[in-house]
Amino acid sequence: MIDIIPRRSGFRLRTWLARRVARKASRGLSPDVDMAVGRKIMDSAGDRIPMDRSVVYADVQLAGLRTLVFGPKAPRGGQLLYLHGGGYCRGSAYSHRPFISRLAAALNIKTRAPDYRLAPEHPCPAAVDDALAAYRDMRKGMEGPVIVAGDSAGGGLALALTLKLKELGETLPDALILYSPWTDLTISGENVKLKDAIDPLLRAHWLSEAADLYGTELGRDHPLCSPLFGDFAGFPPTLIQTGTDEVLLDDTIRLAGRMEEAGVDVTCELWDGLWHVFPLFQPLLPEGRTANRRARAWLDERFDHQVSPSRR
């Protein structure tokens, strides 16, 4: 099911300002910037933007990975595993710390965000292996639903993790929440070119360079690199939130279509006039907070007042 979320009416000053901030933030993703410098630029967002103060935060080691843990004061049952974006080459749990804290608060769920290994030092499937280790560690002795979420490359990684779990015959997540997921590293979507000058955060040629670095061993069309080409039969309920000014718009639309064909309970929200991973730009962007509230309502509809059975 695809829902078109209309723009807010009237002059949207905060949305205009958030778009300008996104354009400035894009420097951290640009391959024209040295990799080490770009990583530092992205991580600095974790300090510049305030966290949600209602969430308790810890920086720990879990499953051999640096992991940030976010805990609301009276969380619902279950846990959420969050996989950050950054083109598989940049970004970290720390760079996404402000957004993840707000998501944990909005969904009222304990959340873990691991630092998985990055390309080019560690091409695919290193990130999938790390996500699998983090997921298995989280599953130990747990009751209640397990949600896996991620943005951009992290959204693709959430799908790749679920494909790997299915291949291994292990318990799948109870739900997926994906923000502008990067699902096709062959970059065959038409909107990559059509939206290239419109999306303030991402550029088409950046995707191509990152794909070459990440997919060097398995190949860019392998389902663990490009989960769009995987088999979605038996996948858990999935929520996708993407802007219509999005370079990866076709990745979302094609993913939703293939999931629907496979019988998956998929809700795909296309937010008119917004860009790549727009919810990251909270608290400046009002639509980001609205997206969190809609994700909470979606989650409540499926899991409130019950302990979700394990999925296989």
Protein backbone atom coordinates (compact mmCIF):
# COMPACT_ATOMS: atom_id res chain seq x y z
CA MET A 1 0.00 0.00 0.00
CA ILE A 2 1.40 3.39 -1.03
CA ASP A 3 0.26 6.51 0.85
CA ILE A 4 1.03 9.98 -0.47
CA ILE A 5 1.57 12.33 2.48
CA PRO A 6 0.71 15.89 1.30
CA ARG A 7 2.79 18.95 2.06
CA ARG A 8 1.87 21.20 4.94
CA SER A 9 -0.16 24.15 3.74
CA GLY A 10 1.14 27.72 3.71
CA PHE A 11 4.70 29.02 3.79
CA ARG A 12 6.89 26.36 5.37
CA LEU A 13 9.83 28.35 6.72
CA ARG A 14 11.20 25.55 8.92
CA THR A 15 11.04 23.08 6.02
CA TRP A 16 12.89 25.58 3.79
CA LEU A 17 15.55 26.04 6.48
CA ALA A 18 15.88 22.28 6.97
CA ARG A 19 16.45 21.85 3.23
CA ARG A 20 19.31 24.37 3.42
CA VAL A 21 20.79 22.51 6.39
CA ALA A 22 20.54 19.23 4.44
CA ARG A 23 22.46 20.77 1.55
CA LYS A 24 25.24 21.83 3.91
CA ALA A 25 25.25 18.43 5.63
CA SER A 26 25.72 16.69 2.28
CA ARG A 27 29.42 17.58 2.34
CA GLY A 28 30.05 14.70 4.73
CA LEU A 29 28.78 12.24 2.10
CA SER A 30 30.62 13.66 -0.89
CA PRO A 31 33.43 11.50 -2.32
CA ASP A 32 35.18 14.77 -3.21
CA VAL A 33 35.93 15.04 0.51
CA ASP A 34 38.65 12.78 1.95
CA MET A 35 37.09 9.69 3.53
CA ALA A 36 38.50 10.35 7.02
CA VAL A 37 37.38 13.98 6.86
CA GLY A 38 33.93 13.02 5.63
CA ARG A 39 33.53 10.57 8.48
CA LYS A 40 34.47 13.25 10.99
CA ILE A 41 32.02 15.69 9.44
CA MET A 42 29.20 13.18 9.73
CA ASP A 43 30.08 12.22 13.30
CA SER A 44 30.09 15.87 14.32
CA ALA A 45 26.32 15.91 13.79
CA GLY A 46 26.08 13.76 16.90
CA ASP A 47 27.37 16.71 18.92
CA ARG A 48 25.73 19.62 17.07
CA ILE A 49 22.12 18.42 17.37
CA PRO A 50 20.60 17.83 20.83
CA MET A 51 19.35 14.42 21.84
CA ASP A 52 15.90 13.75 23.25
CA ARG A 53 16.33 14.42 26.97
CA SER A 54 13.68 11.89 28.00
CA VAL A 55 15.89 8.99 26.87
CA VAL A 56 18.69 7.42 28.94
CA TYR A 57 21.78 6.87 26.82
CA ALA A 58 24.79 4.52 27.14
CA ASP A 59 27.86 3.80 25.00
CA VAL A 60 28.80 0.10 25.40
CA GLN A 61 30.35 -2.92 23.71
CA LEU A 62 27.86 -5.58 22.58
CA ALA A 63 28.60 -8.55 20.30
CA GLY A 64 32.10 -7.15 19.86
CA LEU A 65 30.74 -3.89 18.40
CA ARG A 66 30.58 -0.39 19.79
CA THR A 67 26.87 0.06 20.41
CA LEU A 68 24.79 3.01 21.56
CA VAL A 69 21.81 2.05 23.71
CA PHE A 70 18.81 4.33 24.17
CA GLY A 71 16.25 3.67 26.88
CA PRO A 72 12.94 5.47 27.45
CA LYS A 73 11.96 5.65 31.13
CA ALA A 74 9.05 3.19 30.83
CA PRO A 75 9.57 1.38 27.52
CA ARG A 76 7.13 -0.97 25.87
CA GLY A 77 8.10 -4.63 25.51
CA GLY A 78 10.63 -5.65 22.89
CA GLN A 79 13.62 -3.84 21.41
CA LEU A 80 14.62 -2.03 18.24
CA LEU A 81 17.89 -2.53 16.36
CA TYR A 82 18.84 0.60 14.40
CA LEU A 83 21.32 0.46 11.49
CA HIS A 84 22.71 3.84 10.46
CA GLY A 85 23.15 5.17 6.92
CA GLY A 86 26.15 6.72 5.20
CA GLY A 87 26.59 4.80 1.95
CA TYR A 88 28.24 1.85 3.77
CA CYS A 89 31.40 4.01 3.84
CA ARG A 90 30.59 6.75 6.34
CA GLY A 91 28.28 7.47 9.23
CA SER A 92 28.05 5.79 12.62
CA ALA A 93 25.66 5.26 15.46
CA TYR A 94 27.09 8.46 16.92
CA SER A 95 26.41 10.55 13.81
CA HIS A 96 22.78 9.41 14.02
CA ARG A 97 22.55 9.67 17.82
CA PRO A 98 20.15 12.68 17.90
CA PHE A 99 17.65 11.07 15.52
CA ILE A 100 17.84 7.62 17.11
CA SER A 101 17.17 9.13 20.54
CA ARG A 102 14.05 10.82 19.18
CA LEU A 103 12.90 7.65 17.45
CA ALA A 104 13.38 5.61 20.65
CA ALA A 105 11.35 8.19 22.57
CA ALA A 106 8.61 8.42 19.93
CA LEU A 107 8.23 4.64 19.65
CA ASN A 108 8.81 4.20 23.40
CA ILE A 109 11.14 1.26 22.88
CA LYS A 110 14.65 0.36 24.01
CA THR A 111 16.95 0.78 21.03
CA ARG A 112 20.41 -0.48 20.13
CA ALA A 113 22.53 1.09 17.39
CA PRO A 114 25.77 -0.77 16.54
CA ASP A 115 28.77 0.51 14.60
CA TYR A 116 29.16 -2.01 11.78
CA ARG A 117 32.34 -2.20 9.72
CA LEU A 118 32.59 0.17 6.76
CA ALA A 119 33.91 -0.03 3.20
CA PRO A 120 36.36 0.25 1.57
CA GLU A 121 38.27 -1.34 4.44
CA HIS A 122 35.49 -3.89 4.89
CA PRO A 123 33.31 -4.51 1.82
CA CYS A 124 30.08 -6.54 1.82
CA PRO A 125 29.30 -8.90 3.55
CA ALA A 126 31.19 -7.47 6.58
CA ALA A 127 28.34 -5.09 7.47
CA VAL A 128 25.80 -7.93 7.15
CA ASP A 129 27.90 -10.15 9.41
CA ASP A 130 28.08 -7.39 12.03
CA ALA A 131 24.35 -6.70 11.84
CA LEU A 132 23.73 -10.43 12.25
CA ALA A 133 25.96 -10.57 15.34
CA ALA A 134 24.19 -7.56 16.86
CA TYR A 135 20.76 -9.03 16.09
CA ARG A 136 21.61 -12.43 17.58
CA ASP A 137 22.96 -10.77 20.74
CA MET A 138 19.78 -8.71 21.09
CA ARG A 139 17.57 -11.77 20.66
CA LYS A 140 19.11 -13.59 23.64
CA GLY A 141 16.54 -14.10 26.39
CA MET A 142 14.23 -11.46 24.93
CA GLU A 143 10.47 -11.31 25.11
CA GLY A 144 8.32 -9.09 22.96
CA PRO A 145 8.71 -7.95 19.36
CA VAL A 146 12.09 -7.25 17.79
CA ILE A 147 12.06 -4.39 15.30
CA VAL A 148 14.88 -3.65 12.85
CA ALA A 149 15.11 -0.14 11.41
CA GLY A 150 17.57 1.79 9.30
CA ASP A 151 18.05 4.73 6.97
CA SER A 152 19.52 4.81 3.46
CA ALA A 153 22.33 2.20 3.41
CA GLY A 154 21.15 1.16 6.88
CA GLY A 155 17.70 0.50 5.45
CA GLY A 156 19.26 -1.69 2.79
CA LEU A 157 21.30 -3.41 5.49
CA ALA A 158 18.13 -4.11 7.49
CA LEU A 159 16.71 -5.86 4.42
CA ALA A 160 19.97 -7.74 3.77
CA LEU A 161 20.03 -8.88 7.41
CA THR A 162 16.49 -10.23 7.08
CA LEU A 163 17.39 -12.04 3.86
CA LYS A 164 20.41 -13.59 5.61
CA LEU A 165 18.31 -14.70 8.58
CA LYS A 166 15.81 -16.27 6.20
CA GLU A 167 18.62 -18.09 4.36
CA LEU A 168 19.95 -19.43 7.70
CA GLY A 169 16.49 -20.48 8.92
CA GLU A 170 16.73 -18.18 11.94
CA THR A 171 13.97 -16.12 13.54
CA LEU A 172 13.14 -13.04 11.49
CA PRO A 173 12.44 -9.61 12.95
CA ASP A 174 8.82 -8.94 13.85
CA ALA A 175 8.79 -5.70 11.83
CA LEU A 176 10.99 -3.45 9.69
CA ILE A 177 11.00 0.36 9.60
CA LEU A 178 12.94 1.79 6.67
CA TYR A 179 13.83 5.41 5.86
CA SER A 180 14.76 6.09 2.21
CA PRO A 181 16.30 2.62 1.92
CA TRP A 182 19.11 2.06 -0.59
CA THR A 183 18.04 -1.22 -2.14
CA ASP A 184 19.71 -1.26 -5.56
CA LEU A 185 23.48 -0.76 -5.78
CA THR A 186 23.32 -1.24 -9.55
CA ILE A 187 21.62 2.18 -9.51
CA SER A 188 19.11 1.29 -12.22
CA GLY A 189 16.26 3.46 -10.91
CA GLU A 190 15.13 6.27 -13.22
CA ASN A 191 14.70 8.79 -10.41
CA VAL A 192 18.41 8.67 -9.56
CA LYS A 193 18.91 10.98 -12.54
CA LEU A 194 15.58 12.81 -12.45
CA LYS A 195 15.97 13.86 -8.80
CA ASP A 196 19.73 14.38 -8.84
CA ALA A 197 19.55 18.19 -8.82
CA ILE A 198 16.50 18.28 -6.53
CA ASP A 199 17.52 16.16 -3.55
CA PRO A 200 19.63 18.44 -1.32
CA LEU A 201 21.40 15.63 0.55
CA LEU A 202 22.45 13.03 -2.03
CA ARG A 203 23.91 12.88 -5.55
CA ALA A 204 23.77 10.10 -8.12
CA HIS A 205 27.52 9.85 -8.73
CA TRP A 206 28.14 9.57 -4.98
CA LEU A 207 26.00 6.44 -4.96
CA SER A 208 27.97 4.91 -7.81
CA GLU A 209 31.31 5.44 -6.07
CA ALA A 210 30.05 4.07 -2.75
CA ALA A 211 28.53 1.05 -4.51
CA ASP A 212 31.87 0.24 -6.12
CA LEU A 213 33.59 0.32 -2.73
CA TYR A 214 30.98 -1.78 -0.90
CA GLY A 215 30.12 -4.33 -3.60
CA THR A 216 33.64 -5.14 -4.71
CA GLU A 217 33.65 -8.77 -3.44
CA LEU A 218 30.09 -10.07 -3.91
CA GLY A 219 29.11 -7.84 -6.82
CA ARG A 220 26.73 -4.91 -6.76
CA ASP A 221 23.75 -7.03 -7.90
CA HIS A 222 24.10 -9.64 -5.13
CA PRO A 223 20.98 -9.58 -2.87
CA LEU A 224 23.11 -8.93 0.22
CA CYS A 225 24.38 -5.76 -1.51
CA SER A 226 21.18 -4.98 -3.44
CA PRO A 227 18.32 -6.53 -1.45
CA LEU A 228 15.82 -5.34 -4.08
CA PHE A 229 16.82 -8.49 -5.99
CA GLY A 230 16.10 -10.81 -3.03
CA ASP A 231 13.09 -13.00 -2.21
CA PHE A 232 10.69 -11.24 0.19
CA ALA A 233 8.31 -14.15 0.78
CA GLY A 234 7.69 -14.50 4.53
CA PHE A 235 9.07 -11.05 5.39
CA PRO A 236 7.62 -9.26 8.42
CA PRO A 237 5.37 -6.16 8.31
CA THR A 238 7.34 -3.26 6.85
CA LEU A 239 6.94 0.51 7.03
CA ILE A 240 8.83 2.68 4.52
CA GLN A 241 9.03 6.48 4.74
CA THR A 242 10.56 8.34 1.78
CA GLY A 243 10.35 11.84 0.28
CA THR A 244 9.23 12.48 -3.30
CA ASP A 245 12.30 14.69 -3.93
CA GLU A 246 14.41 11.62 -3.23
CA VAL A 247 17.26 10.34 -5.42
CA LEU A 248 16.36 6.82 -4.22
CA LEU A 249 12.61 7.20 -4.82
CA ASP A 250 12.56 4.31 -7.31
CA ASP A 251 14.37 2.08 -4.81
CA THR A 252 11.43 2.58 -2.44
CA ILE A 253 8.65 2.24 -5.00
CA ARG A 254 10.10 -0.92 -6.53
CA LEU A 255 10.76 -2.40 -3.10
CA ALA A 256 7.19 -1.77 -1.98
CA GLY A 257 5.85 -3.32 -5.20
CA ARG A 258 7.96 -6.47 -4.89
CA MET A 259 7.07 -6.85 -1.22
CA GLU A 260 3.38 -6.51 -2.01
CA GLU A 261 3.72 -9.13 -4.76
CA ALA A 262 5.33 -11.45 -2.18
CA GLY A 263 2.38 -11.02 0.20
CA VAL A 264 4.19 -8.80 2.71
CA ASP A 265 2.20 -6.38 4.89
CA VAL A 266 3.97 -3.27 3.57
CA THR A 267 3.04 0.38 4.10
CA CYS A 268 4.95 2.81 1.90
CA GLU A 269 4.65 6.52 2.71
CA LEU A 270 5.79 9.02 0.06
CA TRP A 271 6.15 12.48 1.61
CA ASP A 272 5.50 15.17 -0.98
CA GLY A 273 8.35 17.65 -1.46
CA LEU A 274 10.77 16.09 1.03
CA TRP A 275 14.21 14.62 0.49
CA HIS A 276 16.57 11.79 1.38
CA VAL A 277 16.07 10.58 4.98
CA PHE A 278 14.17 13.75 5.89
CA PRO A 279 13.31 12.59 9.46
CA LEU A 280 16.99 13.04 10.38
CA PHE A 281 16.46 16.80 10.35
CA GLN A 282 14.53 16.95 13.57
CA PRO A 283 13.92 19.00 15.66
CA LEU A 284 14.08 21.70 12.94
CA LEU A 285 11.79 19.86 10.52
CA PRO A 286 8.16 19.47 11.72
CA GLU A 287 7.51 16.69 9.19
CA GLY A 288 10.21 14.61 10.90
CA ARG A 289 8.25 14.62 14.16
CA THR A 290 5.06 13.79 12.27
CA ALA A 291 6.83 10.86 10.60
CA ASN A 292 7.81 9.55 14.05
CA ARG A 293 4.21 9.82 15.26
CA ARG A 294 2.97 7.93 12.21
CA ALA A 295 5.60 5.22 12.79
CA ARG A 296 4.39 4.94 16.40
CA ALA A 297 0.77 4.56 15.26
CA TRP A 298 1.81 1.92 12.71
CA LEU A 299 3.72 0.01 15.38
CA ASP A 300 0.92 0.28 17.93
CA GLU A 301 -1.59 -1.07 15.43
CA ARG A 302 0.46 -4.23 15.02
CA PHE A 303 1.89 -4.86 18.48
CA ASP A 304 -0.04 -3.01 21.18
CA HIS A 305 -1.46 -5.15 24.00
CA GLN A 306 0.23 -8.30 22.77
CA VAL A 307 3.55 -10.07 22.76
CA SER A 308 4.31 -10.78 19.14
CA PRO A 309 5.05 -14.42 18.32
CA SER A 310 8.43 -15.24 16.82
CA ARG A 311 8.53 -15.30 13.03
CA ARG A 312 10.43 -17.86 11.05
